[in-house]
Amino acid sequence: MTVPAAPGEGGEARDPGLQPERTTLSWRRTLLSLLVLNLLIWRAWLHAAEGTGGQGPSTVMALGVCTVVAAAATAVLVLCGRVRRRELRHGTAAPPAAVLRWATGAVGALAAATIAVVLLGR
């Protein structure tokens, strides 16, 4: 069922349902969990850098790379979330394919960094 356009508006009106708000809230929850994950990765790196974990310099360097990758991936996901929120405010169109590609790549990079941190921390 199509919602009629409001007076003075051209084209289709936005869906009056709560879908845009739910989408925005899910992006916020996801980003909050990613920030917690980033803090845990930073903690592992700092713990190794202090020398209390017994890891060598190569492990500390690898954990530093994981930290940078995780921070960059989270920054990309924050930008993707902002783009999506802006699009939801202005209409009901699907997100551009580029946003989805960047978000998918960032999630993959973040997952790889997390797995590497877990394996390096052993």
N, C-alpha and C. Protein backbone atom coordinates (compact mmCIF):
# COMPACT_ATOMS: atom_id res chain seq x y z
N MET A 1 0.83 -1.17 0.00
CA MET A 1 0.00 0.00 0.00
C MET A 1 0.89 1.24 0.00
N THR A 2 0.60 2.17 -0.87
CA THR A 2 1.39 3.40 -0.98
C THR A 2 0.72 4.50 -0.18
N VAL A 3 1.52 5.20 0.58
CA VAL A 3 1.02 6.32 1.38
C VAL A 3 0.98 7.54 0.48
N PRO A 4 -0.14 8.24 0.44
CA PRO A 4 -0.20 9.43 -0.42
C PRO A 4 0.74 10.51 0.08
N ALA A 5 1.23 11.29 -0.87
CA ALA A 5 2.16 12.38 -0.54
C ALA A 5 1.43 13.47 0.24
N ALA A 6 2.15 14.09 1.12
CA ALA A 6 1.58 15.20 1.89
C ALA A 6 1.36 16.39 0.96
N PRO A 7 0.44 17.26 1.30
CA PRO A 7 0.21 18.42 0.45
C PRO A 7 1.48 19.24 0.28
N GLY A 8 1.76 19.59 -0.94
CA GLY A 8 2.91 20.41 -1.24
C GLY A 8 4.18 19.61 -1.49
N GLU A 9 4.14 18.30 -1.30
CA GLU A 9 5.31 17.47 -1.54
C GLU A 9 5.16 16.77 -2.88
N GLY A 10 6.26 16.62 -3.55
CA GLY A 10 6.25 15.86 -4.78
C GLY A 10 6.73 14.45 -4.51
N GLY A 11 6.27 13.48 -5.25
CA GLY A 11 6.73 12.11 -5.09
C GLY A 11 6.06 11.41 -3.94
N GLU A 12 6.65 10.29 -3.55
CA GLU A 12 6.07 9.49 -2.48
C GLU A 12 6.43 10.05 -1.11
N ALA A 13 5.52 9.90 -0.19
CA ALA A 13 5.79 10.31 1.19
C ALA A 13 6.55 9.20 1.89
N ARG A 14 7.18 9.55 2.94
CA ARG A 14 7.94 8.60 3.72
C ARG A 14 7.00 7.68 4.48
N ASP A 15 7.44 6.46 4.66
CA ASP A 15 6.66 5.49 5.42
C ASP A 15 6.46 6.03 6.84
N PRO A 16 5.23 6.13 7.31
CA PRO A 16 5.01 6.70 8.63
C PRO A 16 5.34 5.72 9.77
N GLY A 17 5.72 4.51 9.44
CA GLY A 17 6.01 3.52 10.47
C GLY A 17 7.29 3.82 11.23
N LEU A 18 7.65 2.90 12.11
CA LEU A 18 8.81 3.09 12.96
C LEU A 18 10.08 2.48 12.40
N GLN A 19 10.05 1.98 11.18
CA GLN A 19 11.23 1.34 10.60
C GLN A 19 12.46 2.24 10.59
N PRO A 20 12.38 3.50 10.18
CA PRO A 20 13.58 4.35 10.21
C PRO A 20 14.17 4.51 11.61
N GLU A 21 13.31 4.65 12.60
CA GLU A 21 13.79 4.80 13.96
C GLU A 21 14.45 3.52 14.46
N ARG A 22 13.86 2.37 14.13
CA ARG A 22 14.45 1.09 14.53
C ARG A 22 15.80 0.89 13.87
N THR A 23 15.91 1.27 12.61
CA THR A 23 17.18 1.14 11.90
C THR A 23 18.25 2.02 12.53
N THR A 24 17.89 3.25 12.85
CA THR A 24 18.84 4.15 13.49
C THR A 24 19.28 3.62 14.85
N LEU A 25 18.34 3.11 15.63
CA LEU A 25 18.69 2.55 16.93
C LEU A 25 19.58 1.32 16.80
N SER A 26 19.33 0.50 15.80
CA SER A 26 20.18 -0.69 15.63
C SER A 26 21.60 -0.29 15.22
N TRP A 27 21.75 0.75 14.40
CA TRP A 27 23.09 1.24 14.06
C TRP A 27 23.79 1.74 15.32
N ARG A 28 23.06 2.44 16.18
CA ARG A 28 23.68 2.95 17.42
C ARG A 28 24.11 1.82 18.34
N ARG A 29 23.27 0.80 18.50
CA ARG A 29 23.64 -0.34 19.34
C ARG A 29 24.86 -1.05 18.78
N THR A 30 24.89 -1.22 17.47
CA THR A 30 26.02 -1.89 16.84
C THR A 30 27.30 -1.09 17.05
N LEU A 31 27.23 0.21 16.86
CA LEU A 31 28.42 1.04 17.03
C LEU A 31 28.88 1.06 18.49
N LEU A 32 27.96 1.01 19.42
CA LEU A 32 28.35 0.95 20.83
C LEU A 32 29.10 -0.35 21.12
N SER A 33 28.62 -1.46 20.58
CA SER A 33 29.32 -2.73 20.80
C SER A 33 30.68 -2.73 20.10
N LEU A 34 30.80 -2.07 18.95
CA LEU A 34 32.08 -1.99 18.27
C LEU A 34 33.07 -1.13 19.06
N LEU A 35 32.59 -0.09 19.70
CA LEU A 35 33.48 0.72 20.53
C LEU A 35 34.01 -0.08 21.71
N VAL A 36 33.15 -0.92 22.30
CA VAL A 36 33.61 -1.78 23.40
C VAL A 36 34.66 -2.76 22.88
N LEU A 37 34.42 -3.32 21.71
CA LEU A 37 35.39 -4.24 21.11
C LEU A 37 36.72 -3.52 20.86
N ASN A 38 36.66 -2.29 20.37
CA ASN A 38 37.89 -1.51 20.16
C ASN A 38 38.64 -1.28 21.46
N LEU A 39 37.91 -0.99 22.52
CA LEU A 39 38.56 -0.79 23.82
C LEU A 39 39.26 -2.06 24.29
N LEU A 40 38.65 -3.21 24.06
CA LEU A 40 39.29 -4.47 24.44
C LEU A 40 40.55 -4.74 23.61
N ILE A 41 40.51 -4.39 22.34
CA ILE A 41 41.69 -4.56 21.48
C ILE A 41 42.80 -3.61 21.94
N TRP A 42 42.45 -2.37 22.23
CA TRP A 42 43.44 -1.41 22.74
C TRP A 42 44.04 -1.91 24.04
N ARG A 43 43.20 -2.47 24.90
CA ARG A 43 43.68 -2.99 26.19
C ARG A 43 44.69 -4.11 25.98
N ALA A 44 44.41 -5.02 25.05
CA ALA A 44 45.34 -6.12 24.77
C ALA A 44 46.67 -5.58 24.26
N TRP A 45 46.61 -4.57 23.39
CA TRP A 45 47.83 -3.99 22.85
C TRP A 45 48.64 -3.29 23.94
N LEU A 46 47.97 -2.50 24.77
CA LEU A 46 48.67 -1.80 25.84
C LEU A 46 49.26 -2.78 26.86
N HIS A 47 48.53 -3.84 27.14
CA HIS A 47 49.02 -4.86 28.06
C HIS A 47 50.30 -5.50 27.50
N ALA A 48 50.30 -5.79 26.21
CA ALA A 48 51.49 -6.39 25.58
C ALA A 48 52.63 -5.38 25.50
N ALA A 49 52.31 -4.11 25.26
CA ALA A 49 53.34 -3.09 25.14
C ALA A 49 54.03 -2.82 26.49
N GLU A 50 53.32 -3.00 27.58
CA GLU A 50 53.92 -2.82 28.90
C GLU A 50 54.93 -3.91 29.22
N GLY A 51 54.84 -5.02 28.52
CA GLY A 51 55.76 -6.11 28.74
C GLY A 51 55.32 -7.08 29.81
N THR A 52 54.13 -6.87 30.35
CA THR A 52 53.65 -7.75 31.41
C THR A 52 53.06 -9.05 30.86
N GLY A 53 52.78 -9.08 29.56
CA GLY A 53 52.19 -10.28 28.98
C GLY A 53 53.21 -11.28 28.50
N GLY A 54 54.49 -10.92 28.47
CA GLY A 54 55.53 -11.84 28.04
C GLY A 54 55.65 -11.98 26.53
N GLN A 55 55.00 -11.11 25.76
CA GLN A 55 55.09 -11.16 24.30
C GLN A 55 56.33 -10.40 23.84
N GLY A 56 56.82 -10.83 22.68
CA GLY A 56 57.98 -10.18 22.09
C GLY A 56 57.58 -8.94 21.31
N PRO A 57 58.58 -8.22 20.77
CA PRO A 57 58.31 -6.99 20.03
C PRO A 57 57.47 -7.22 18.77
N SER A 58 57.64 -8.38 18.12
CA SER A 58 56.85 -8.63 16.91
C SER A 58 55.37 -8.79 17.26
N THR A 59 55.08 -9.38 18.40
CA THR A 59 53.69 -9.52 18.82
C THR A 59 53.09 -8.17 19.16
N VAL A 60 53.88 -7.33 19.82
CA VAL A 60 53.41 -5.98 20.16
C VAL A 60 53.12 -5.20 18.88
N MET A 61 54.00 -5.34 17.88
CA MET A 61 53.79 -4.65 16.60
C MET A 61 52.53 -5.17 15.90
N ALA A 62 52.34 -6.48 15.91
CA ALA A 62 51.15 -7.06 15.27
C ALA A 62 49.88 -6.61 15.99
N LEU A 63 49.92 -6.55 17.30
CA LEU A 63 48.76 -6.06 18.05
C LEU A 63 48.50 -4.58 17.76
N GLY A 64 49.57 -3.81 17.55
CA GLY A 64 49.41 -2.41 17.17
C GLY A 64 48.73 -2.26 15.82
N VAL A 65 49.12 -3.12 14.87
CA VAL A 65 48.47 -3.11 13.55
C VAL A 65 46.99 -3.47 13.69
N CYS A 66 46.69 -4.46 14.52
CA CYS A 66 45.30 -4.86 14.75
C CYS A 66 44.50 -3.71 15.35
N THR A 67 45.14 -2.95 16.24
CA THR A 67 44.49 -1.82 16.87
C THR A 67 44.15 -0.74 15.84
N VAL A 68 45.08 -0.46 14.96
CA VAL A 68 44.86 0.55 13.92
C VAL A 68 43.77 0.09 12.95
N VAL A 69 43.80 -1.19 12.55
CA VAL A 69 42.78 -1.72 11.64
C VAL A 69 41.40 -1.65 12.29
N ALA A 70 41.32 -2.03 13.56
CA ALA A 70 40.03 -1.99 14.25
C ALA A 70 39.51 -0.56 14.36
N ALA A 71 40.37 0.39 14.68
CA ALA A 71 39.94 1.78 14.79
C ALA A 71 39.48 2.33 13.44
N ALA A 72 40.21 2.00 12.38
CA ALA A 72 39.82 2.47 11.04
C ALA A 72 38.50 1.84 10.61
N ALA A 73 38.32 0.56 10.89
CA ALA A 73 37.08 -0.12 10.52
C ALA A 73 35.90 0.48 11.27
N THR A 74 36.09 0.79 12.53
CA THR A 74 35.01 1.40 13.31
C THR A 74 34.69 2.79 12.78
N ALA A 75 35.71 3.55 12.40
CA ALA A 75 35.47 4.88 11.82
C ALA A 75 34.67 4.78 10.53
N VAL A 76 35.00 3.80 9.69
CA VAL A 76 34.25 3.61 8.44
C VAL A 76 32.80 3.24 8.76
N LEU A 77 32.58 2.39 9.75
CA LEU A 77 31.22 2.01 10.10
C LEU A 77 30.43 3.18 10.70
N VAL A 78 31.11 4.04 11.43
CA VAL A 78 30.44 5.25 11.94
C VAL A 78 29.98 6.12 10.77
N LEU A 79 30.85 6.29 9.78
CA LEU A 79 30.47 7.09 8.60
C LEU A 79 29.33 6.45 7.83
N CYS A 80 29.37 5.13 7.68
CA CYS A 80 28.27 4.43 6.99
C CYS A 80 26.97 4.61 7.74
N GLY A 81 27.02 4.54 9.07
CA GLY A 81 25.82 4.74 9.87
C GLY A 81 25.27 6.14 9.74
N ARG A 82 26.16 7.12 9.68
CA ARG A 82 25.70 8.51 9.52
C ARG A 82 25.05 8.72 8.16
N VAL A 83 25.64 8.12 7.12
CA VAL A 83 25.06 8.24 5.78
C VAL A 83 23.68 7.60 5.76
N ARG A 84 23.57 6.43 6.36
CA ARG A 84 22.29 5.73 6.37
C ARG A 84 21.25 6.51 7.16
N ARG A 85 21.62 7.09 8.29
CA ARG A 85 20.68 7.87 9.09
C ARG A 85 20.20 9.09 8.31
N ARG A 86 21.13 9.73 7.60
CA ARG A 86 20.75 10.90 6.79
C ARG A 86 19.77 10.50 5.68
N GLU A 87 20.02 9.35 5.06
CA GLU A 87 19.12 8.89 4.01
C GLU A 87 17.74 8.54 4.56
N LEU A 88 17.68 7.98 5.74
CA LEU A 88 16.39 7.63 6.33
C LEU A 88 15.58 8.87 6.67
N ARG A 89 16.26 9.95 7.01
CA ARG A 89 15.54 11.19 7.29
C ARG A 89 14.90 11.77 6.04
N HIS A 90 15.53 11.56 4.90
CA HIS A 90 15.08 12.21 3.67
C HIS A 90 14.26 11.32 2.77
N GLY A 91 14.08 10.08 3.10
CA GLY A 91 13.27 9.21 2.25
C GLY A 91 13.40 7.76 2.65
N THR A 92 12.81 6.90 1.86
CA THR A 92 12.80 5.48 2.17
C THR A 92 13.61 4.67 1.18
N ALA A 93 14.47 5.32 0.44
CA ALA A 93 15.25 4.62 -0.58
C ALA A 93 16.24 3.67 0.08
N ALA A 94 16.58 2.64 -0.65
CA ALA A 94 17.58 1.69 -0.17
C ALA A 94 18.94 2.37 -0.12
N PRO A 95 19.81 1.92 0.76
CA PRO A 95 21.13 2.54 0.83
C PRO A 95 21.91 2.27 -0.45
N PRO A 96 22.78 3.18 -0.84
CA PRO A 96 23.60 2.95 -2.03
C PRO A 96 24.48 1.71 -1.84
N ALA A 97 24.77 1.06 -2.93
CA ALA A 97 25.59 -0.15 -2.87
C ALA A 97 26.98 0.13 -2.31
N ALA A 98 27.50 1.31 -2.56
CA ALA A 98 28.84 1.65 -2.05
C ALA A 98 28.87 1.66 -0.53
N VAL A 99 27.81 2.15 0.10
CA VAL A 99 27.75 2.17 1.56
C VAL A 99 27.77 0.74 2.10
N LEU A 100 27.01 -0.13 1.46
CA LEU A 100 26.97 -1.52 1.90
C LEU A 100 28.31 -2.22 1.68
N ARG A 101 28.98 -1.92 0.57
CA ARG A 101 30.30 -2.52 0.31
C ARG A 101 31.31 -2.06 1.35
N TRP A 102 31.33 -0.76 1.65
CA TRP A 102 32.26 -0.24 2.65
C TRP A 102 31.97 -0.83 4.02
N ALA A 103 30.70 -0.93 4.39
CA ALA A 103 30.34 -1.50 5.69
C ALA A 103 30.73 -2.97 5.77
N THR A 104 30.52 -3.72 4.70
CA THR A 104 30.89 -5.13 4.68
C THR A 104 32.40 -5.30 4.81
N GLY A 105 33.16 -4.49 4.08
CA GLY A 105 34.61 -4.55 4.18
C GLY A 105 35.11 -4.18 5.56
N ALA A 106 34.49 -3.17 6.17
CA ALA A 106 34.89 -2.75 7.51
C ALA A 106 34.59 -3.83 8.54
N VAL A 107 33.45 -4.48 8.42
CA VAL A 107 33.11 -5.56 9.35
C VAL A 107 34.08 -6.72 9.17
N GLY A 108 34.43 -7.04 7.93
CA GLY A 108 35.42 -8.10 7.68
C GLY A 108 36.77 -7.77 8.27
N ALA A 109 37.21 -6.53 8.11
CA ALA A 109 38.51 -6.11 8.66
C ALA A 109 38.48 -6.13 10.19
N LEU A 110 37.38 -5.71 10.77
CA LEU A 110 37.26 -5.72 12.22
C LEU A 110 37.24 -7.15 12.76
N ALA A 111 36.56 -8.03 12.06
CA ALA A 111 36.54 -9.44 12.47
C ALA A 111 37.94 -10.05 12.39
N ALA A 112 38.66 -9.75 11.31
CA ALA A 112 40.02 -10.28 11.16
C ALA A 112 40.94 -9.75 12.25
N ALA A 113 40.82 -8.47 12.57
CA ALA A 113 41.65 -7.89 13.63
C ALA A 113 41.32 -8.52 14.98
N THR A 114 40.05 -8.77 15.23
CA THR A 114 39.65 -9.38 16.49
C THR A 114 40.19 -10.80 16.61
N ILE A 115 40.07 -11.56 15.56
CA ILE A 115 40.58 -12.94 15.56
C ILE A 115 42.09 -12.93 15.76
N ALA A 116 42.78 -12.01 15.09
CA ALA A 116 44.24 -11.93 15.24
C ALA A 116 44.63 -11.57 16.67
N VAL A 117 43.89 -10.67 17.30
CA VAL A 117 44.19 -10.30 18.68
C VAL A 117 43.99 -11.50 19.61
N VAL A 118 42.93 -12.25 19.39
CA VAL A 118 42.68 -13.42 20.23
C VAL A 118 43.79 -14.45 20.04
N LEU A 119 44.21 -14.68 18.80
CA LEU A 119 45.26 -15.66 18.55
C LEU A 119 46.62 -15.18 19.05
N LEU A 120 46.89 -13.91 18.93
CA LEU A 120 48.18 -13.37 19.40
C LEU A 120 48.25 -13.30 20.93
N GLY A 121 47.11 -13.20 21.56
CA GLY A 121 47.08 -13.08 23.00
C GLY A 121 47.31 -14.39 23.74
N ARG A 122 47.32 -15.48 23.02
CA ARG A 122 47.51 -16.80 23.65
C ARG A 122 48.93 -17.02 24.07
